[in-house]
Amino acid sequence: MDLRTALAFALPIGVGIAALGSGIGLGKAVAAAMEATGRQPEASGKILITMAVGCAFIEALTIYALVVVFMFSGKLQ
């Protein structure tokens, strides 16, 4: 198996794993924020801001994975 074939198989699998991990992480973050808001409704503003920052970092990691895939997909041609 040459490098191009290995990249052709690995790149979609890598993006899929990154998206799956991101989805799980976002689900846990939102679930924890909703539970915390249910326990202390008066702190919902602080909880929302913290959750949004955390979700942005999680999404940034997924976007980095997508950028790396686009960079390596240029090597396939």
PDB file of N, CA and C in Angstrom:
ATOM      1  N   MET A   1       0.850  -1.167   0.000  1.00  0.00           N
ATOM      2  CA  MET A   1       0.000   0.000   0.000  1.00  0.00           C
ATOM      3  C   MET A   1       0.903   1.240   0.000  1.00  0.00           C
ATOM      4  N   ASP A   2       0.664   2.100  -0.946  1.00  0.00           N
ATOM      5  CA  ASP A   2       1.480   3.306  -1.024  1.00  0.00           C
ATOM      6  C   ASP A   2       0.865   4.418  -0.173  1.00  0.00           C
ATOM      7  N   LEU A   3       1.542   5.547  -0.126  1.00  0.00           N
ATOM      8  CA  LEU A   3       1.132   6.666   0.727  1.00  0.00           C
ATOM      9  C   LEU A   3      -0.216   7.232   0.304  1.00  0.00           C
ATOM     10  N   ARG A   4      -0.447   7.335  -0.981  1.00  0.00           N
ATOM     11  CA  ARG A   4      -1.712   7.914  -1.448  1.00  0.00           C
ATOM     12  C   ARG A   4      -2.904   7.042  -1.065  1.00  0.00           C
ATOM     13  N   THR A   5      -2.752   5.758  -1.175  1.00  0.00           N
ATOM     14  CA  THR A   5      -3.845   4.855  -0.801  1.00  0.00           C
ATOM     15  C   THR A   5      -4.098   4.910   0.694  1.00  0.00           C
ATOM     16  N   ALA A   6      -3.030   4.946   1.470  1.00  0.00           N
ATOM     17  CA  ALA A   6      -3.187   5.027   2.926  1.00  0.00           C
ATOM     18  C   ALA A   6      -3.867   6.327   3.331  1.00  0.00           C
ATOM     19  N   LEU A   7      -3.491   7.442   2.702  1.00  0.00           N
ATOM     20  CA  LEU A   7      -4.146   8.714   2.993  1.00  0.00           C
ATOM     21  C   LEU A   7      -5.609   8.703   2.564  1.00  0.00           C
ATOM     22  N   ALA A   8      -5.898   8.075   1.433  1.00  0.00           N
ATOM     23  CA  ALA A   8      -7.277   8.026   0.947  1.00  0.00           C
ATOM     24  C   ALA A   8      -8.177   7.272   1.917  1.00  0.00           C
ATOM     25  N   PHE A   9      -7.652   6.286   2.623  1.00  0.00           N
ATOM     26  CA  PHE A   9      -8.433   5.566   3.626  1.00  0.00           C
ATOM     27  C   PHE A   9      -8.431   6.277   4.979  1.00  0.00           C
ATOM     28  N   ALA A  10      -7.304   6.841   5.366  1.00  0.00           N
ATOM     29  CA  ALA A  10      -7.161   7.395   6.714  1.00  0.00           C
ATOM     30  C   ALA A  10      -7.835   8.748   6.892  1.00  0.00           C
ATOM     31  N   LEU A  11      -7.851   9.565   5.870  1.00  0.00           N
ATOM     32  CA  LEU A  11      -8.403  10.914   6.022  1.00  0.00           C
ATOM     33  C   LEU A  11      -9.894  10.917   6.367  1.00  0.00           C
ATOM     34  N   PRO A  12     -10.743  10.192   5.640  1.00  0.00           N
ATOM     35  CA  PRO A  12     -12.165  10.201   6.035  1.00  0.00           C
ATOM     36  C   PRO A  12     -12.414   9.563   7.395  1.00  0.00           C
ATOM     37  N   ILE A  13     -11.638   8.551   7.714  1.00  0.00           N
ATOM     38  CA  ILE A  13     -11.786   7.914   9.030  1.00  0.00           C
ATOM     39  C   ILE A  13     -11.380   8.884  10.129  1.00  0.00           C
ATOM     40  N   GLY A  14     -10.312   9.635   9.908  1.00  0.00           N
ATOM     41  CA  GLY A  14      -9.862  10.610  10.897  1.00  0.00           C
ATOM     42  C   GLY A  14     -10.869  11.719  11.137  1.00  0.00           C
ATOM     43  N   VAL A  15     -11.475  12.222  10.068  1.00  0.00           N
ATOM     44  CA  VAL A  15     -12.496  13.263  10.228  1.00  0.00           C
ATOM     45  C   VAL A  15     -13.715  12.697  10.942  1.00  0.00           C
ATOM     46  N   GLY A  16     -14.071  11.469  10.632  1.00  0.00           N
ATOM     47  CA  GLY A  16     -15.202  10.843  11.309  1.00  0.00           C
ATOM     48  C   GLY A  16     -14.965  10.679  12.798  1.00  0.00           C
ATOM     49  N   ILE A  17     -13.775  10.281  13.168  1.00  0.00           N
ATOM     50  CA  ILE A  17     -13.440  10.138  14.584  1.00  0.00           C
ATOM     51  C   ILE A  17     -13.438  11.494  15.277  1.00  0.00           C
ATOM     52  N   ALA A  18     -12.899  12.512  14.603  1.00  0.00           N
ATOM     53  CA  ALA A  18     -12.900  13.862  15.186  1.00  0.00           C
ATOM     54  C   ALA A  18     -14.318  14.372  15.369  1.00  0.00           C
ATOM     55  N   ALA A  19     -15.195  14.128  14.390  1.00  0.00           N
ATOM     56  CA  ALA A  19     -16.584  14.576  14.505  1.00  0.00           C
ATOM     57  C   ALA A  19     -17.319  13.815  15.601  1.00  0.00           C
ATOM     58  N   LEU A  20     -17.049  12.535  15.723  1.00  0.00           N
ATOM     59  CA  LEU A  20     -17.676  11.734  16.779  1.00  0.00           C
ATOM     60  C   LEU A  20     -17.233  12.217  18.157  1.00  0.00           C
ATOM     61  N   GLY A  21     -15.956  12.454  18.312  1.00  0.00           N
ATOM     62  CA  GLY A  21     -15.450  12.961  19.595  1.00  0.00           C
ATOM     63  C   GLY A  21     -16.000  14.328  19.923  1.00  0.00           C
ATOM     64  N   SER A  22     -16.118  15.165  18.914  1.00  0.00           N
ATOM     65  CA  SER A  22     -16.677  16.496  19.120  1.00  0.00           C
ATOM     66  C   SER A  22     -18.143  16.412  19.526  1.00  0.00           C
ATOM     67  N   GLY A  23     -18.885  15.550  18.884  1.00  0.00           N
ATOM     68  CA  GLY A  23     -20.294  15.386  19.222  1.00  0.00           C
ATOM     69  C   GLY A  23     -20.494  14.878  20.641  1.00  0.00           C
ATOM     70  N   ILE A  24     -19.678  13.939  21.039  1.00  0.00           N
ATOM     71  CA  ILE A  24     -19.769  13.414  22.406  1.00  0.00           C
ATOM     72  C   ILE A  24     -19.396  14.502  23.408  1.00  0.00           C
ATOM     73  N   GLY A  25     -18.327  15.239  23.127  1.00  0.00           N
ATOM     74  CA  GLY A  25     -17.895  16.306  24.028  1.00  0.00           C
ATOM     75  C   GLY A  25     -18.921  17.417  24.154  1.00  0.00           C
ATOM     76  N   LEU A  26     -19.499  17.808  23.030  1.00  0.00           N
ATOM     77  CA  LEU A  26     -20.523  18.857  23.068  1.00  0.00           C
ATOM     78  C   LEU A  26     -21.768  18.383  23.798  1.00  0.00           C
ATOM     79  N   GLY A  27     -22.146  17.140  23.585  1.00  0.00           N
ATOM     80  CA  GLY A  27     -23.308  16.598  24.280  1.00  0.00           C
ATOM     81  C   GLY A  27     -23.120  16.585  25.785  1.00  0.00           C
ATOM     82  N   LYS A  28     -21.942  16.171  26.218  1.00  0.00           N
ATOM     83  CA  LYS A  28     -21.667  16.161  27.662  1.00  0.00           C
ATOM     84  C   LYS A  28     -21.632  17.567  28.236  1.00  0.00           C
ATOM     85  N   ALA A  29     -21.052  18.502  27.496  1.00  0.00           N
ATOM     86  CA  ALA A  29     -20.961  19.878  27.983  1.00  0.00           C
ATOM     87  C   ALA A  29     -22.341  20.510  28.124  1.00  0.00           C
ATOM     88  N   VAL A  30     -23.172  20.329  27.122  1.00  0.00           N
ATOM     89  CA  VAL A  30     -24.509  20.915  27.174  1.00  0.00           C
ATOM     90  C   VAL A  30     -25.356  20.233  28.249  1.00  0.00           C
ATOM     91  N   ALA A  31     -25.226  18.926  28.380  1.00  0.00           N
ATOM     92  CA  ALA A  31     -25.989  18.219  29.412  1.00  0.00           C
ATOM     93  C   ALA A  31     -25.587  18.686  30.804  1.00  0.00           C
ATOM     94  N   ALA A  32     -24.297  18.871  31.026  1.00  0.00           N
ATOM     95  CA  ALA A  32     -23.833  19.341  32.332  1.00  0.00           C
ATOM     96  C   ALA A  32     -24.292  20.774  32.589  1.00  0.00           C
ATOM     97  N   ALA A  33     -24.295  21.606  31.555  1.00  0.00           N
ATOM     98  CA  ALA A  33     -24.755  22.988  31.727  1.00  0.00           C
ATOM     99  C   ALA A  33     -26.246  23.036  32.031  1.00  0.00           C
ATOM    100  N   MET A  34     -27.022  22.189  31.369  1.00  0.00           N
ATOM    101  CA  MET A  34     -28.461  22.168  31.642  1.00  0.00           C
ATOM    102  C   MET A  34     -28.751  21.662  33.053  1.00  0.00           C
ATOM    103  N   GLU A  35     -27.989  20.678  33.488  1.00  0.00           N
ATOM    104  CA  GLU A  35     -28.163  20.176  34.854  1.00  0.00           C
ATOM    105  C   GLU A  35     -27.785  21.244  35.877  1.00  0.00           C
ATOM    106  N   ALA A  36     -26.700  21.952  35.612  1.00  0.00           N
ATOM    107  CA  ALA A  36     -26.276  23.011  36.528  1.00  0.00           C
ATOM    108  C   ALA A  36     -27.286  24.151  36.557  1.00  0.00           C
ATOM    109  N   THR A  37     -27.851  24.481  35.410  1.00  0.00           N
ATOM    110  CA  THR A  37     -28.871  25.527  35.367  1.00  0.00           C
ATOM    111  C   THR A  37     -30.126  25.090  36.114  1.00  0.00           C
ATOM    112  N   GLY A  38     -30.454  23.826  36.021  1.00  0.00           N
ATOM    113  CA  GLY A  38     -31.598  23.315  36.765  1.00  0.00           C
ATOM    114  C   GLY A  38     -31.393  23.365  38.265  1.00  0.00           C
ATOM    115  N   ARG A  39     -30.148  23.174  38.692  1.00  0.00           N
ATOM    116  CA  ARG A  39     -29.857  23.214  40.132  1.00  0.00           C
ATOM    117  C   ARG A  39     -29.780  24.641  40.666  1.00  0.00           C
ATOM    118  N   GLN A  40     -29.214  25.552  39.864  1.00  0.00           N
ATOM    119  CA  GLN A  40     -29.074  26.952  40.287  1.00  0.00           C
ATOM    120  C   GLN A  40     -29.484  27.875  39.147  1.00  0.00           C
ATOM    121  N   PRO A  41     -30.757  28.133  39.013  1.00  0.00           N
ATOM    122  CA  PRO A  41     -31.222  28.976  37.904  1.00  0.00           C
ATOM    123  C   PRO A  41     -30.679  30.400  37.944  1.00  0.00           C
ATOM    124  N   GLU A  42     -30.343  30.905  39.118  1.00  0.00           N
ATOM    125  CA  GLU A  42     -29.838  32.271  39.206  1.00  0.00           C
ATOM    126  C   GLU A  42     -28.434  32.409  38.623  1.00  0.00           C
ATOM    127  N   ALA A  43     -27.719  31.314  38.439  1.00  0.00           N
ATOM    128  CA  ALA A  43     -26.368  31.353  37.878  1.00  0.00           C
ATOM    129  C   ALA A  43     -26.363  30.989  36.396  1.00  0.00           C
ATOM    130  N   SER A  44     -27.511  31.049  35.760  1.00  0.00           N
ATOM    131  CA  SER A  44     -27.592  30.586  34.368  1.00  0.00           C
ATOM    132  C   SER A  44     -26.738  31.428  33.410  1.00  0.00           C
ATOM    133  N   GLY A  45     -26.576  32.726  33.694  1.00  0.00           N
ATOM    134  CA  GLY A  45     -25.746  33.570  32.829  1.00  0.00           C
ATOM    135  C   GLY A  45     -24.295  33.143  32.828  1.00  0.00           C
ATOM    136  N   LYS A  46     -23.752  32.903  34.003  1.00  0.00           N
ATOM    137  CA  LYS A  46     -22.353  32.467  34.107  1.00  0.00           C
ATOM    138  C   LYS A  46     -22.168  31.075  33.506  1.00  0.00           C
ATOM    139  N   ILE A  47     -23.144  30.211  33.735  1.00  0.00           N
ATOM    140  CA  ILE A  47     -23.057  28.848  33.201  1.00  0.00           C
ATOM    141  C   ILE A  47     -23.093  28.877  31.678  1.00  0.00           C
ATOM    142  N   LEU A  48     -23.972  29.713  31.120  1.00  0.00           N
ATOM    143  CA  LEU A  48     -24.087  29.806  29.669  1.00  0.00           C
ATOM    144  C   LEU A  48     -22.806  30.312  29.030  1.00  0.00           C
ATOM    145  N   ILE A  49     -22.202  31.323  29.621  1.00  0.00           N
ATOM    146  CA  ILE A  49     -20.957  31.873  29.068  1.00  0.00           C
ATOM    147  C   ILE A  49     -19.842  30.835  29.118  1.00  0.00           C
ATOM    148  N   THR A  50     -19.723  30.152  30.239  1.00  0.00           N
ATOM    149  CA  THR A  50     -18.686  29.125  30.375  1.00  0.00           C
ATOM    150  C   THR A  50     -18.911  27.983  29.395  1.00  0.00           C
ATOM    151  N   MET A  51     -20.169  27.569  29.230  1.00  0.00           N
ATOM    152  CA  MET A  51     -20.473  26.499  28.291  1.00  0.00           C
ATOM    153  C   MET A  51     -20.161  26.932  26.859  1.00  0.00           C
ATOM    154  N   ALA A  52     -20.486  28.170  26.495  1.00  0.00           N
ATOM    155  CA  ALA A  52     -20.229  28.644  25.140  1.00  0.00           C
ATOM    156  C   ALA A  52     -18.731  28.682  24.835  1.00  0.00           C
ATOM    157  N   VAL A  53     -17.940  29.099  25.799  1.00  0.00           N
ATOM    158  CA  VAL A  53     -16.483  29.116  25.597  1.00  0.00           C
ATOM    159  C   VAL A  53     -15.949  27.694  25.435  1.00  0.00           C
ATOM    160  N   GLY A  54     -16.419  26.786  26.265  1.00  0.00           N
ATOM    161  CA  GLY A  54     -15.995  25.392  26.154  1.00  0.00           C
ATOM    162  C   GLY A  54     -16.407  24.775  24.831  1.00  0.00           C
ATOM    163  N   CYS A  55     -17.622  25.059  24.387  1.00  0.00           N
ATOM    164  CA  CYS A  55     -18.088  24.532  23.102  1.00  0.00           C
ATOM    165  C   CYS A  55     -17.277  25.109  21.943  1.00  0.00           C
ATOM    166  N   ALA A  56     -16.881  26.356  22.050  1.00  0.00           N
ATOM    167  CA  ALA A  56     -16.057  26.960  21.003  1.00  0.00           C
ATOM    168  C   ALA A  56     -14.702  26.261  20.903  1.00  0.00           C
ATOM    169  N   PHE A  57     -14.115  25.929  22.035  1.00  0.00           N
ATOM    170  CA  PHE A  57     -12.839  25.207  22.004  1.00  0.00           C
ATOM    171  C   PHE A  57     -12.998  23.811  21.417  1.00  0.00           C
ATOM    172  N   ILE A  58     -14.088  23.138  21.744  1.00  0.00           N
ATOM    173  CA  ILE A  58     -14.331  21.805  21.196  1.00  0.00           C
ATOM    174  C   ILE A  58     -14.500  21.883  19.684  1.00  0.00           C
ATOM    175  N   GLU A  59     -15.278  22.847  19.215  1.00  0.00           N
ATOM    176  CA  GLU A  59     -15.476  23.010  17.781  1.00  0.00           C
ATOM    177  C   GLU A  59     -14.182  23.398  17.077  1.00  0.00           C
ATOM    178  N   ALA A  60     -13.341  24.188  17.747  1.00  0.00           N
ATOM    179  CA  ALA A  60     -12.066  24.584  17.140  1.00  0.00           C
ATOM    180  C   ALA A  60     -11.189  23.364  16.871  1.00  0.00           C
ATOM    181  N   LEU A  61     -11.184  22.421  17.779  1.00  0.00           N
ATOM    182  CA  LEU A  61     -10.388  21.206  17.556  1.00  0.00           C
ATOM    183  C   LEU A  61     -10.898  20.417  16.357  1.00  0.00           C
ATOM    184  N   THR A  62     -12.203  20.369  16.196  1.00  0.00           N
ATOM    185  CA  THR A  62     -12.772  19.672  15.043  1.00  0.00           C
ATOM    186  C   THR A  62     -12.421  20.396  13.747  1.00  0.00           C
ATOM    187  N   ILE A  63     -12.459  21.716  13.765  1.00  0.00           N
ATOM    188  CA  ILE A  63     -12.101  22.480  12.572  1.00  0.00           C
ATOM    189  C   ILE A  63     -10.627  22.299  12.243  1.00  0.00           C
ATOM    190  N   TYR A  64      -9.774  22.219  13.259  1.00  0.00           N
ATOM    191  CA  TYR A  64      -8.353  21.951  13.009  1.00  0.00           C
ATOM    192  C   TYR A  64      -8.171  20.604  12.328  1.00  0.00           C
ATOM    193  N   ALA A  65      -8.913  19.601  12.762  1.00  0.00           N
ATOM    194  CA  ALA A  65      -8.829  18.282  12.122  1.00  0.00           C
ATOM    195  C   ALA A  65      -9.260  18.365  10.667  1.00  0.00           C
ATOM    196  N   LEU A  66     -10.308  19.133  10.391  1.00  0.00           N
ATOM    197  CA  LEU A  66     -10.778  19.287   9.013  1.00  0.00           C
ATOM    198  C   LEU A  66      -9.748  20.012   8.153  1.00  0.00           C
ATOM    199  N   VAL A  67      -9.083  21.003   8.710  1.00  0.00           N
ATOM    200  CA  VAL A  67      -8.043  21.724   7.969  1.00  0.00           C
ATOM    201  C   VAL A  67      -6.872  20.797   7.645  1.00  0.00           C
ATOM    202  N   VAL A  68      -6.500  19.961   8.589  1.00  0.00           N
ATOM    203  CA  VAL A  68      -5.412  19.008   8.346  1.00  0.00           C
ATOM    204  C   VAL A  68      -5.802  18.031   7.241  1.00  0.00           C
ATOM    205  N   VAL A  69      -7.059  17.597   7.237  1.00  0.00           N
ATOM    206  CA  VAL A  69      -7.519  16.696   6.175  1.00  0.00           C
ATOM    207  C   VAL A  69      -7.445  17.384   4.823  1.00  0.00           C
ATOM    208  N   PHE A  70      -7.854  18.647   4.757  1.00  0.00           N
ATOM    209  CA  PHE A  70      -7.757  19.357   3.486  1.00  0.00           C
ATOM    210  C   PHE A  70      -6.303  19.524   3.048  1.00  0.00           C
ATOM    211  N   MET A  71      -5.413  19.749   4.006  1.00  0.00           N
ATOM    212  CA  MET A  71      -3.996  19.878   3.653  1.00  0.00           C
ATOM    213  C   MET A  71      -3.448  18.579   3.087  1.00  0.00           C
ATOM    214  N   PHE A  72      -3.784  17.471   3.741  1.00  0.00           N
ATOM    215  CA  PHE A  72      -3.262  16.178   3.270  1.00  0.00           C
ATOM    216  C   PHE A  72      -3.982  15.674   2.029  1.00  0.00           C
ATOM    217  N   SER A  73      -5.218  16.110   1.819  1.00  0.00           N
ATOM    218  CA  SER A  73      -5.914  15.667   0.612  1.00  0.00           C
ATOM    219  C   SER A  73      -5.276  16.279  -0.634  1.00  0.00           C
ATOM    220  N   GLY A  74      -4.583  17.394  -0.472  1.00  0.00           N
ATOM    221  CA  GLY A  74      -3.829  17.957  -1.590  1.00  0.00           C
ATOM    222  C   GLY A  74      -2.659  17.085  -1.988  1.00  0.00           C
ATOM    223  N   LYS A  75      -2.199  16.240  -1.079  1.00  0.00           N
ATOM    224  CA  LYS A  75      -1.086  15.336  -1.378  1.00  0.00           C
ATOM    225  C   LYS A  75      -1.560  14.137  -2.197  1.00  0.00           C
ATOM    226  N   LEU A  76      -2.855  13.904  -2.285  1.00  0.00           N
ATOM    227  CA  LEU A  76      -3.370  12.744  -3.017  1.00  0.00           C
ATOM    228  C   LEU A  76      -3.251  12.926  -4.521  1.00  0.00           C
ATOM    229  N   GLN A  77      -3.117  14.149  -5.001  1.00  0.00           N
ATOM    230  CA  GLN A  77      -3.103  14.377  -6.438  1.00  0.00           C
ATOM    231  C   GLN A  77      -1.740  14.537  -7.008  1.00  0.00           C
TER     232      GLN A  77
END
